[in-house]
Amino acid sequence: MGHFGRIDILVNNAAWNIGIPFADLEVLTPEIWDRVHETNLRGPFLLSRLFASELRRHKAGRIINIASLAGLAPVGSSIAYAASKAGLIHLTHCMAVALAPDVTVNCIAPGLVEGTRMAERLPEAMKQLARTQAVLGRSGSPDDIAQIAVAYCRADSVTGQTVVVDGGNPLGMH
């Protein structure tokens, strides 16, 4: 397993999307749907499956999936993206059951994260709406996401959970 000799943590953070307003169903082709789900849902499943035995071997493995607020509410840049992230949240639950007790599997669901490539691609009106809906008056940050990931890695009795990092948007409060 390379320089360190083993794998303890897998973070599934890759995603692909194209902005298509929800009402433009004719623009959301089966090919776009498949590409979004291939990257955002099938990819994390395949990587988790690939590394499961190595993560189990030391009885302290961690998988952290990066989903989205769009996986919890019908919002976001496309129906395909929202559905794939909802699937990733449920995959987190299922993998937590499948890999217990040796591996914890948790999820982070960011809303708007300023300064990221994804945020730069969003229309300013959409970013402003996210900021004004956040009860803290600001969006999540990469540092907030990193801190949650570290907390998941340190925790031995937390699995199957999703933490929303979005500045307190009521859509993500469950």
N, C-alpha and C. Protein backbone atom coordinates (compact mmCIF):
# COMPACT_ATOMS: atom_id res chain seq x y z
N MET A 1 0.82 -1.20 0.00
CA MET A 1 0.00 0.00 0.00
C MET A 1 0.87 1.26 0.00
N GLY A 2 1.94 1.22 -0.67
CA GLY A 2 2.74 2.43 -0.83
C GLY A 2 3.57 2.78 0.38
N HIS A 3 3.89 4.04 0.50
CA HIS A 3 4.79 4.58 1.51
C HIS A 3 4.34 4.28 2.95
N PHE A 4 3.05 4.43 3.24
CA PHE A 4 2.57 4.29 4.61
C PHE A 4 2.18 2.86 4.97
N GLY A 5 2.10 1.98 3.99
CA GLY A 5 1.86 0.58 4.27
C GLY A 5 0.41 0.15 4.43
N ARG A 6 -0.52 1.09 4.56
CA ARG A 6 -1.93 0.72 4.69
C ARG A 6 -2.81 1.93 4.39
N ILE A 7 -4.08 1.64 4.19
CA ILE A 7 -5.08 2.69 3.96
C ILE A 7 -6.03 2.68 5.14
N ASP A 8 -6.20 3.84 5.75
CA ASP A 8 -7.11 3.98 6.89
C ASP A 8 -8.35 4.80 6.55
N ILE A 9 -8.23 5.73 5.60
CA ILE A 9 -9.31 6.68 5.33
C ILE A 9 -9.52 6.79 3.82
N LEU A 10 -10.77 6.74 3.42
CA LEU A 10 -11.17 7.01 2.04
C LEU A 10 -12.14 8.17 2.05
N VAL A 11 -11.82 9.23 1.31
CA VAL A 11 -12.73 10.36 1.16
C VAL A 11 -13.20 10.38 -0.29
N ASN A 12 -14.49 10.16 -0.48
CA ASN A 12 -15.09 10.21 -1.81
C ASN A 12 -15.60 11.63 -2.06
N ASN A 13 -14.79 12.41 -2.79
CA ASN A 13 -15.09 13.82 -2.98
C ASN A 13 -15.19 14.21 -4.46
N ALA A 14 -15.08 13.28 -5.36
CA ALA A 14 -15.19 13.61 -6.78
C ALA A 14 -16.66 13.79 -7.15
N ALA A 15 -16.92 14.71 -8.06
CA ALA A 15 -18.29 14.92 -8.54
C ALA A 15 -18.24 15.55 -9.92
N TRP A 16 -19.32 15.36 -10.66
CA TRP A 16 -19.48 16.00 -11.95
C TRP A 16 -20.90 16.50 -12.06
N ASN A 17 -21.05 17.65 -12.69
CA ASN A 17 -22.38 18.22 -12.86
C ASN A 17 -22.38 19.21 -14.00
N ILE A 18 -23.54 19.45 -14.50
CA ILE A 18 -23.80 20.52 -15.46
C ILE A 18 -25.09 21.17 -15.01
N GLY A 19 -25.09 22.48 -14.96
CA GLY A 19 -26.27 23.20 -14.49
C GLY A 19 -27.40 23.13 -15.50
N ILE A 20 -28.50 22.55 -15.08
CA ILE A 20 -29.71 22.48 -15.90
C ILE A 20 -30.88 22.80 -14.97
N PRO A 21 -31.57 23.91 -15.19
CA PRO A 21 -32.72 24.22 -14.33
C PRO A 21 -33.69 23.05 -14.26
N PHE A 22 -34.27 22.84 -13.10
CA PHE A 22 -35.15 21.70 -12.89
C PHE A 22 -36.26 21.62 -13.94
N ALA A 23 -36.82 22.75 -14.34
CA ALA A 23 -37.94 22.76 -15.28
C ALA A 23 -37.54 22.38 -16.70
N ASP A 24 -36.26 22.38 -17.02
CA ASP A 24 -35.79 22.06 -18.37
C ASP A 24 -35.54 20.56 -18.53
N LEU A 25 -36.57 19.76 -18.32
CA LEU A 25 -36.41 18.31 -18.36
C LEU A 25 -35.93 17.81 -19.70
N GLU A 26 -36.32 18.48 -20.79
CA GLU A 26 -35.88 18.02 -22.11
C GLU A 26 -34.39 18.21 -22.32
N VAL A 27 -33.76 19.10 -21.57
CA VAL A 27 -32.31 19.32 -21.67
C VAL A 27 -31.55 18.26 -20.88
N LEU A 28 -32.19 17.73 -19.84
CA LEU A 28 -31.56 16.69 -19.01
C LEU A 28 -31.68 15.34 -19.74
N THR A 29 -30.70 15.06 -20.56
CA THR A 29 -30.73 13.84 -21.38
C THR A 29 -30.34 12.62 -20.55
N PRO A 30 -30.71 11.44 -21.00
CA PRO A 30 -30.26 10.23 -20.32
C PRO A 30 -28.73 10.14 -20.24
N GLU A 31 -28.03 10.67 -21.24
CA GLU A 31 -26.56 10.63 -21.23
C GLU A 31 -25.99 11.51 -20.12
N ILE A 32 -26.58 12.69 -19.93
CA ILE A 32 -26.14 13.57 -18.84
C ILE A 32 -26.46 12.91 -17.50
N TRP A 33 -27.68 12.40 -17.38
CA TRP A 33 -28.09 11.70 -16.15
C TRP A 33 -27.09 10.60 -15.81
N ASP A 34 -26.76 9.78 -16.79
CA ASP A 34 -25.84 8.65 -16.55
C ASP A 34 -24.46 9.14 -16.15
N ARG A 35 -23.94 10.17 -16.81
CA ARG A 35 -22.60 10.66 -16.47
C ARG A 35 -22.56 11.20 -15.05
N VAL A 36 -23.59 11.96 -14.65
CA VAL A 36 -23.64 12.50 -13.29
C VAL A 36 -23.67 11.35 -12.28
N HIS A 37 -24.53 10.36 -12.50
CA HIS A 37 -24.65 9.25 -11.56
C HIS A 37 -23.42 8.34 -11.59
N GLU A 38 -22.81 8.19 -12.74
CA GLU A 38 -21.59 7.38 -12.85
C GLU A 38 -20.49 7.95 -11.96
N THR A 39 -20.33 9.26 -12.00
CA THR A 39 -19.27 9.92 -11.21
C THR A 39 -19.67 10.07 -9.75
N ASN A 40 -20.87 10.57 -9.50
CA ASN A 40 -21.26 11.00 -8.16
C ASN A 40 -21.76 9.88 -7.25
N LEU A 41 -22.21 8.78 -7.83
CA LEU A 41 -22.77 7.70 -7.02
C LEU A 41 -22.06 6.36 -7.27
N ARG A 42 -21.91 5.99 -8.51
CA ARG A 42 -21.24 4.72 -8.81
C ARG A 42 -19.77 4.78 -8.42
N GLY A 43 -19.11 5.90 -8.68
CA GLY A 43 -17.70 6.05 -8.32
C GLY A 43 -17.44 5.82 -6.83
N PRO A 44 -18.16 6.51 -5.93
CA PRO A 44 -17.96 6.25 -4.50
C PRO A 44 -18.27 4.81 -4.09
N PHE A 45 -19.30 4.21 -4.71
CA PHE A 45 -19.58 2.81 -4.41
C PHE A 45 -18.41 1.92 -4.80
N LEU A 46 -17.91 2.10 -6.02
CA LEU A 46 -16.82 1.25 -6.50
C LEU A 46 -15.55 1.44 -5.67
N LEU A 47 -15.24 2.67 -5.31
CA LEU A 47 -14.04 2.90 -4.49
C LEU A 47 -14.20 2.32 -3.09
N SER A 48 -15.38 2.49 -2.51
CA SER A 48 -15.64 1.91 -1.18
C SER A 48 -15.53 0.40 -1.23
N ARG A 49 -16.08 -0.19 -2.25
CA ARG A 49 -16.01 -1.65 -2.42
C ARG A 49 -14.58 -2.11 -2.62
N LEU A 50 -13.83 -1.38 -3.44
CA LEU A 50 -12.44 -1.72 -3.73
C LEU A 50 -11.57 -1.71 -2.47
N PHE A 51 -11.77 -0.71 -1.61
CA PHE A 51 -10.92 -0.55 -0.43
C PHE A 51 -11.51 -1.16 0.84
N ALA A 52 -12.69 -1.76 0.77
CA ALA A 52 -13.36 -2.27 1.96
C ALA A 52 -12.52 -3.27 2.74
N SER A 53 -11.91 -4.23 2.07
CA SER A 53 -11.15 -5.25 2.80
C SER A 53 -9.93 -4.63 3.48
N GLU A 54 -9.27 -3.70 2.83
CA GLU A 54 -8.12 -3.03 3.45
C GLU A 54 -8.56 -2.18 4.64
N LEU A 55 -9.66 -1.47 4.51
CA LEU A 55 -10.16 -0.65 5.61
C LEU A 55 -10.62 -1.53 6.78
N ARG A 56 -11.18 -2.67 6.50
CA ARG A 56 -11.63 -3.60 7.55
C ARG A 56 -10.46 -4.25 8.28
N ARG A 57 -9.39 -4.46 7.57
CA ARG A 57 -8.26 -5.23 8.11
C ARG A 57 -7.75 -4.68 9.44
N HIS A 58 -7.75 -3.39 9.62
CA HIS A 58 -7.21 -2.79 10.85
C HIS A 58 -8.31 -2.44 11.85
N LYS A 59 -9.55 -2.74 11.48
CA LYS A 59 -10.70 -2.54 12.35
C LYS A 59 -10.87 -1.11 12.84
N ALA A 60 -10.43 -0.16 12.03
CA ALA A 60 -10.58 1.26 12.38
C ALA A 60 -10.66 2.12 11.13
N GLY A 61 -11.15 1.55 10.03
CA GLY A 61 -11.23 2.29 8.78
C GLY A 61 -12.31 3.35 8.80
N ARG A 62 -12.13 4.33 7.93
CA ARG A 62 -13.08 5.43 7.82
C ARG A 62 -13.36 5.70 6.35
N ILE A 63 -14.64 5.87 6.03
CA ILE A 63 -15.05 6.37 4.71
C ILE A 63 -15.87 7.62 4.94
N ILE A 64 -15.52 8.66 4.21
CA ILE A 64 -16.25 9.93 4.29
C ILE A 64 -16.69 10.28 2.88
N ASN A 65 -18.00 10.38 2.71
CA ASN A 65 -18.58 10.76 1.42
C ASN A 65 -18.95 12.24 1.45
N ILE A 66 -18.65 12.93 0.36
CA ILE A 66 -19.03 14.34 0.25
C ILE A 66 -20.24 14.42 -0.66
N ALA A 67 -21.39 14.74 -0.07
CA ALA A 67 -22.64 14.85 -0.82
C ALA A 67 -22.94 16.33 -1.07
N SER A 68 -24.14 16.76 -0.74
CA SER A 68 -24.55 18.14 -0.97
C SER A 68 -25.87 18.39 -0.27
N LEU A 69 -26.12 19.64 0.05
CA LEU A 69 -27.44 20.04 0.55
C LEU A 69 -28.50 19.63 -0.46
N ALA A 70 -28.14 19.63 -1.75
CA ALA A 70 -29.08 19.23 -2.81
C ALA A 70 -29.52 17.78 -2.66
N GLY A 71 -28.80 16.97 -1.92
CA GLY A 71 -29.19 15.59 -1.67
C GLY A 71 -30.25 15.47 -0.59
N LEU A 72 -30.55 16.56 0.10
CA LEU A 72 -31.54 16.56 1.18
C LEU A 72 -32.80 17.35 0.85
N ALA A 73 -32.71 18.18 -0.17
CA ALA A 73 -33.84 19.03 -0.55
C ALA A 73 -33.81 19.22 -2.07
N PRO A 74 -34.95 19.45 -2.68
CA PRO A 74 -34.99 19.61 -4.13
C PRO A 74 -34.48 20.98 -4.57
N VAL A 75 -33.17 21.14 -4.43
CA VAL A 75 -32.50 22.38 -4.81
C VAL A 75 -31.22 22.01 -5.56
N GLY A 76 -30.53 23.00 -6.04
CA GLY A 76 -29.25 22.76 -6.67
C GLY A 76 -29.26 23.04 -8.14
N SER A 77 -28.19 22.64 -8.77
CA SER A 77 -27.95 23.03 -10.16
C SER A 77 -28.58 22.09 -11.18
N SER A 78 -29.05 20.91 -10.77
CA SER A 78 -29.77 20.03 -11.68
C SER A 78 -30.45 18.91 -10.90
N ILE A 79 -31.49 18.35 -11.50
CA ILE A 79 -32.17 17.21 -10.88
C ILE A 79 -31.22 16.02 -10.78
N ALA A 80 -30.43 15.81 -11.82
CA ALA A 80 -29.50 14.68 -11.81
C ALA A 80 -28.52 14.80 -10.65
N TYR A 81 -27.97 15.99 -10.44
CA TYR A 81 -27.02 16.21 -9.35
C TYR A 81 -27.70 15.96 -8.00
N ALA A 82 -28.89 16.55 -7.80
CA ALA A 82 -29.60 16.39 -6.53
C ALA A 82 -29.91 14.92 -6.27
N ALA A 83 -30.38 14.20 -7.27
CA ALA A 83 -30.71 12.79 -7.10
C ALA A 83 -29.46 11.96 -6.82
N SER A 84 -28.34 12.29 -7.48
CA SER A 84 -27.11 11.53 -7.23
C SER A 84 -26.61 11.75 -5.81
N LYS A 85 -26.74 12.96 -5.31
CA LYS A 85 -26.27 13.25 -3.95
C LYS A 85 -27.21 12.66 -2.90
N ALA A 86 -28.51 12.60 -3.21
CA ALA A 86 -29.44 11.89 -2.32
C ALA A 86 -29.07 10.42 -2.26
N GLY A 87 -28.74 9.86 -3.42
CA GLY A 87 -28.29 8.47 -3.47
C GLY A 87 -27.02 8.25 -2.68
N LEU A 88 -26.10 9.21 -2.73
CA LEU A 88 -24.84 9.09 -1.99
C LEU A 88 -25.10 9.12 -0.48
N ILE A 89 -26.03 9.94 -0.05
CA ILE A 89 -26.38 9.97 1.37
C ILE A 89 -26.94 8.61 1.80
N HIS A 90 -27.80 8.02 0.99
CA HIS A 90 -28.35 6.72 1.35
C HIS A 90 -27.29 5.61 1.20
N LEU A 91 -26.41 5.73 0.22
CA LEU A 91 -25.29 4.79 0.12
C LEU A 91 -24.46 4.83 1.40
N THR A 92 -24.29 6.01 1.96
CA THR A 92 -23.58 6.16 3.24
C THR A 92 -24.26 5.30 4.31
N HIS A 93 -25.58 5.39 4.41
CA HIS A 93 -26.31 4.59 5.40
C HIS A 93 -26.09 3.10 5.16
N CYS A 94 -26.24 2.69 3.92
CA CYS A 94 -26.12 1.27 3.58
C CYS A 94 -24.71 0.74 3.81
N MET A 95 -23.70 1.51 3.42
CA MET A 95 -22.32 1.07 3.62
C MET A 95 -21.95 1.06 5.10
N ALA A 96 -22.55 1.96 5.88
CA ALA A 96 -22.31 1.95 7.33
C ALA A 96 -22.77 0.63 7.93
N VAL A 97 -23.89 0.13 7.46
CA VAL A 97 -24.40 -1.17 7.93
C VAL A 97 -23.50 -2.29 7.40
N ALA A 98 -23.17 -2.23 6.12
CA ALA A 98 -22.40 -3.30 5.49
C ALA A 98 -21.00 -3.45 6.08
N LEU A 99 -20.36 -2.35 6.45
CA LEU A 99 -18.96 -2.40 6.88
C LEU A 99 -18.77 -2.38 8.39
N ALA A 100 -19.87 -2.26 9.14
CA ALA A 100 -19.77 -2.29 10.59
C ALA A 100 -19.36 -3.69 11.04
N PRO A 101 -18.66 -3.86 12.11
CA PRO A 101 -18.21 -2.83 13.06
C PRO A 101 -16.80 -2.30 12.78
N ASP A 102 -16.20 -2.72 11.69
CA ASP A 102 -14.79 -2.41 11.46
C ASP A 102 -14.53 -1.07 10.79
N VAL A 103 -15.51 -0.54 10.07
CA VAL A 103 -15.33 0.70 9.31
C VAL A 103 -16.51 1.61 9.59
N THR A 104 -16.25 2.87 9.87
CA THR A 104 -17.34 3.84 9.96
C THR A 104 -17.47 4.53 8.61
N VAL A 105 -18.72 4.83 8.26
CA VAL A 105 -19.02 5.48 6.98
C VAL A 105 -19.94 6.65 7.27
N ASN A 106 -19.47 7.85 6.96
CA ASN A 106 -20.23 9.06 7.24
C ASN A 106 -20.21 9.98 6.05
N CYS A 107 -20.98 11.05 6.14
CA CYS A 107 -21.19 11.92 5.00
C CYS A 107 -21.18 13.38 5.44
N ILE A 108 -20.71 14.23 4.56
CA ILE A 108 -20.78 15.68 4.74
C ILE A 108 -21.58 16.22 3.57
N ALA A 109 -22.54 17.08 3.85
CA ALA A 109 -23.40 17.64 2.81
C ALA A 109 -23.25 19.16 2.80
N PRO A 110 -22.29 19.67 2.03
CA PRO A 110 -22.11 21.11 1.96
C PRO A 110 -23.23 21.79 1.18
N GLY A 111 -23.52 23.01 1.58
CA GLY A 111 -24.31 23.90 0.74
C GLY A 111 -23.31 24.69 -0.09
N LEU A 112 -23.54 25.96 -0.24
CA LEU A 112 -22.60 26.83 -0.94
C LEU A 112 -21.29 26.89 -0.16
N VAL A 113 -20.17 26.68 -0.85
CA VAL A 113 -18.85 26.79 -0.24
C VAL A 113 -18.08 27.82 -1.07
N GLU A 114 -17.97 29.02 -0.54
CA GLU A 114 -17.31 30.12 -1.25
C GLU A 114 -15.87 29.76 -1.58
N GLY A 115 -15.41 30.26 -2.72
CA GLY A 115 -14.01 30.09 -3.10
C GLY A 115 -13.69 28.77 -3.77
N THR A 116 -14.70 27.94 -4.03
CA THR A 116 -14.46 26.67 -4.70
C THR A 116 -14.82 26.79 -6.18
N ARG A 117 -14.32 25.84 -6.97
CA ARG A 117 -14.65 25.84 -8.40
C ARG A 117 -16.16 25.73 -8.60
N MET A 118 -16.82 24.91 -7.81
CA MET A 118 -18.26 24.76 -7.95
C MET A 118 -18.97 26.09 -7.69
N ALA A 119 -18.58 26.78 -6.64
CA ALA A 119 -19.21 28.07 -6.31
C ALA A 119 -18.95 29.10 -7.41
N GLU A 120 -17.78 29.06 -7.98
CA GLU A 120 -17.45 30.03 -9.04
C GLU A 120 -18.32 29.82 -10.28
N ARG A 121 -18.80 28.61 -10.49
CA ARG A 121 -19.63 28.31 -11.67
C ARG A 121 -21.09 28.69 -11.47
N LEU A 122 -21.50 28.95 -10.24
CA LEU A 122 -22.91 29.26 -9.97
C LEU A 122 -23.21 30.71 -10.30
N PRO A 123 -24.43 30.97 -10.78
CA PRO A 123 -24.83 32.37 -11.00
C PRO A 123 -24.82 33.14 -9.68
N GLU A 124 -24.47 34.41 -9.75
CA GLU A 124 -24.39 35.24 -8.55
C GLU A 124 -25.71 35.26 -7.79
N ALA A 125 -26.83 35.26 -8.50
CA ALA A 125 -28.14 35.27 -7.84
C ALA A 125 -28.34 34.03 -6.99
N MET A 126 -27.87 32.87 -7.46
CA MET A 126 -28.00 31.63 -6.70
C MET A 126 -27.12 31.67 -5.45
N LYS A 127 -25.91 32.23 -5.59
CA LYS A 127 -25.02 32.34 -4.42
C LYS A 127 -25.61 33.30 -3.40
N GLN A 128 -26.16 34.41 -3.87
CA GLN A 128 -26.74 35.38 -2.95
C GLN A 128 -27.93 34.79 -2.22
N LEU A 129 -28.74 34.02 -2.90
CA LEU A 129 -29.88 33.36 -2.26
C LEU A 129 -29.41 32.42 -1.15
N ALA A 130 -28.36 31.64 -1.42
CA ALA A 130 -27.83 30.74 -0.40
C ALA A 130 -27.33 31.51 0.81
N ARG A 131 -26.67 32.63 0.57
CA ARG A 131 -26.17 33.45 1.69
C ARG A 131 -27.32 34.01 2.52
N THR A 132 -28.36 34.51 1.86
CA THR A 132 -29.46 35.13 2.61
C THR A 132 -30.32 34.09 3.32
N GLN A 133 -30.38 32.86 2.81
CA GLN A 133 -31.15 31.81 3.48
C GLN A 133 -30.42 31.26 4.70
N ALA A 134 -29.10 31.40 4.75
CA ALA A 134 -28.32 30.87 5.87
C ALA A 134 -28.56 31.72 7.11
N VAL A 135 -28.98 31.08 8.19
CA VAL A 135 -29.29 31.84 9.41
C VAL A 135 -28.04 32.51 9.99
N LEU A 136 -26.86 31.99 9.67
CA LEU A 136 -25.63 32.63 10.14
C LEU A 136 -25.21 33.79 9.24
N GLY A 137 -25.89 33.96 8.11
CA GLY A 137 -25.58 35.05 7.20
C GLY A 137 -24.33 34.80 6.37
N ARG A 138 -23.86 33.58 6.36
CA ARG A 138 -22.67 33.22 5.57
C ARG A 138 -22.77 31.76 5.19
N SER A 139 -22.00 31.40 4.20
CA SER A 139 -22.02 30.01 3.74
C SER A 139 -20.97 29.20 4.49
N GLY A 140 -20.93 27.91 4.16
CA GLY A 140 -19.91 27.04 4.74
C GLY A 140 -18.54 27.36 4.16
N SER A 141 -17.51 26.80 4.78
CA SER A 141 -16.15 27.04 4.30
C SER A 141 -15.43 25.71 4.14
N PRO A 142 -14.40 25.68 3.30
CA PRO A 142 -13.60 24.46 3.19
C PRO A 142 -13.04 24.02 4.55
N ASP A 143 -12.67 24.99 5.39
CA ASP A 143 -12.14 24.64 6.71
C ASP A 143 -13.20 23.96 7.58
N ASP A 144 -14.45 24.43 7.51
CA ASP A 144 -15.54 23.78 8.26
C ASP A 144 -15.69 22.33 7.81
N ILE A 145 -15.63 22.10 6.50
CA ILE A 145 -15.77 20.74 5.97
C ILE A 145 -14.60 19.88 6.45
N ALA A 146 -13.39 20.41 6.39
CA ALA A 146 -12.22 19.66 6.85
C ALA A 146 -12.33 19.31 8.33
N GLN A 147 -12.83 20.24 9.14
CA GLN A 147 -12.98 19.96 10.57
C GLN A 147 -13.98 18.84 10.84
N ILE A 148 -15.07 18.81 10.08
CA ILE A 148 -16.05 17.73 10.24
C ILE A 148 -15.41 16.40 9.82
N ALA A 149 -14.67 16.41 8.72
CA ALA A 149 -13.99 15.19 8.26
C ALA A 149 -13.03 14.66 9.33
N VAL A 150 -12.27 15.55 9.93
CA VAL A 150 -11.33 15.14 10.99
C VAL A 150 -12.11 14.58 12.19
N ALA A 151 -13.20 15.23 12.54
CA ALA A 151 -14.02 14.74 13.67
C ALA A 151 -14.55 13.34 13.38
N TYR A 152 -15.01 13.10 12.16
CA TYR A 152 -15.45 11.75 11.80
C TYR A 152 -14.31 10.74 11.93
N CYS A 153 -13.12 11.14 11.54
CA CYS A 153 -11.98 10.22 11.61
C CYS A 153 -11.59 9.90 13.05
N ARG A 154 -11.81 10.82 13.94
CA ARG A 154 -11.45 10.62 15.34
C ARG A 154 -12.52 9.84 16.11
N ALA A 155 -13.75 9.88 15.65
CA ALA A 155 -14.86 9.28 16.38
C ALA A 155 -14.95 7.78 16.11
N ASP A 156 -15.08 7.00 17.18
CA ASP A 156 -15.19 5.56 17.05
C ASP A 156 -16.64 5.06 17.05
N SER A 157 -17.58 5.89 17.49
CA SER A 157 -18.96 5.41 17.62
C SER A 157 -19.95 6.24 16.80
N VAL A 158 -19.47 6.86 15.72
CA VAL A 158 -20.35 7.63 14.84
C VAL A 158 -20.26 6.99 13.46
N THR A 159 -21.40 6.53 12.95
CA THR A 159 -21.43 5.96 11.60
C THR A 159 -22.82 6.15 11.01
N GLY A 160 -22.87 6.25 9.70
CA GLY A 160 -24.13 6.42 9.00
C GLY A 160 -24.74 7.80 9.12
N GLN A 161 -23.94 8.79 9.48
CA GLN A 161 -24.44 10.13 9.74
C GLN A 161 -24.09 11.11 8.62
N THR A 162 -24.90 12.15 8.50
CA THR A 162 -24.64 13.23 7.54
C THR A 162 -24.69 14.55 8.29
N VAL A 163 -23.63 15.33 8.16
CA VAL A 163 -23.58 16.67 8.73
C VAL A 163 -23.67 17.67 7.57
N VAL A 164 -24.59 18.61 7.69
CA VAL A 164 -24.75 19.66 6.70
C VAL A 164 -23.87 20.83 7.08
N VAL A 165 -23.10 21.33 6.12
CA VAL A 165 -22.22 22.49 6.34
C VAL A 165 -22.66 23.56 5.35
N ASP A 166 -23.49 24.51 5.84
CA ASP A 166 -24.07 25.49 4.91
C ASP A 166 -24.41 26.82 5.54
N GLY A 167 -23.94 27.08 6.74
CA GLY A 167 -24.27 28.34 7.40
C GLY A 167 -25.65 28.34 8.04
N GLY A 168 -26.27 27.18 8.10
CA GLY A 168 -27.58 27.09 8.75
C GLY A 168 -28.77 27.35 7.85
N ASN A 169 -28.74 26.83 6.63
CA ASN A 169 -29.90 26.96 5.76
C ASN A 169 -31.00 26.06 6.31
N PRO A 170 -32.20 26.61 6.53
CA PRO A 170 -33.29 25.78 7.07
C PRO A 170 -33.58 24.53 6.23
N LEU A 171 -33.27 24.53 4.93
CA LEU A 171 -33.50 23.34 4.11
C LEU A 171 -32.66 22.17 4.58
N GLY A 172 -31.50 22.44 5.18
CA GLY A 172 -30.62 21.38 5.62
C GLY A 172 -30.79 21.00 7.08
N MET A 173 -31.70 21.65 7.77
CA MET A 173 -31.90 21.36 9.19
C MET A 173 -32.87 20.21 9.37
N HIS A 174 -32.36 19.07 9.79
CA HIS A 174 -33.21 17.90 10.02
C HIS A 174 -33.01 17.38 11.41
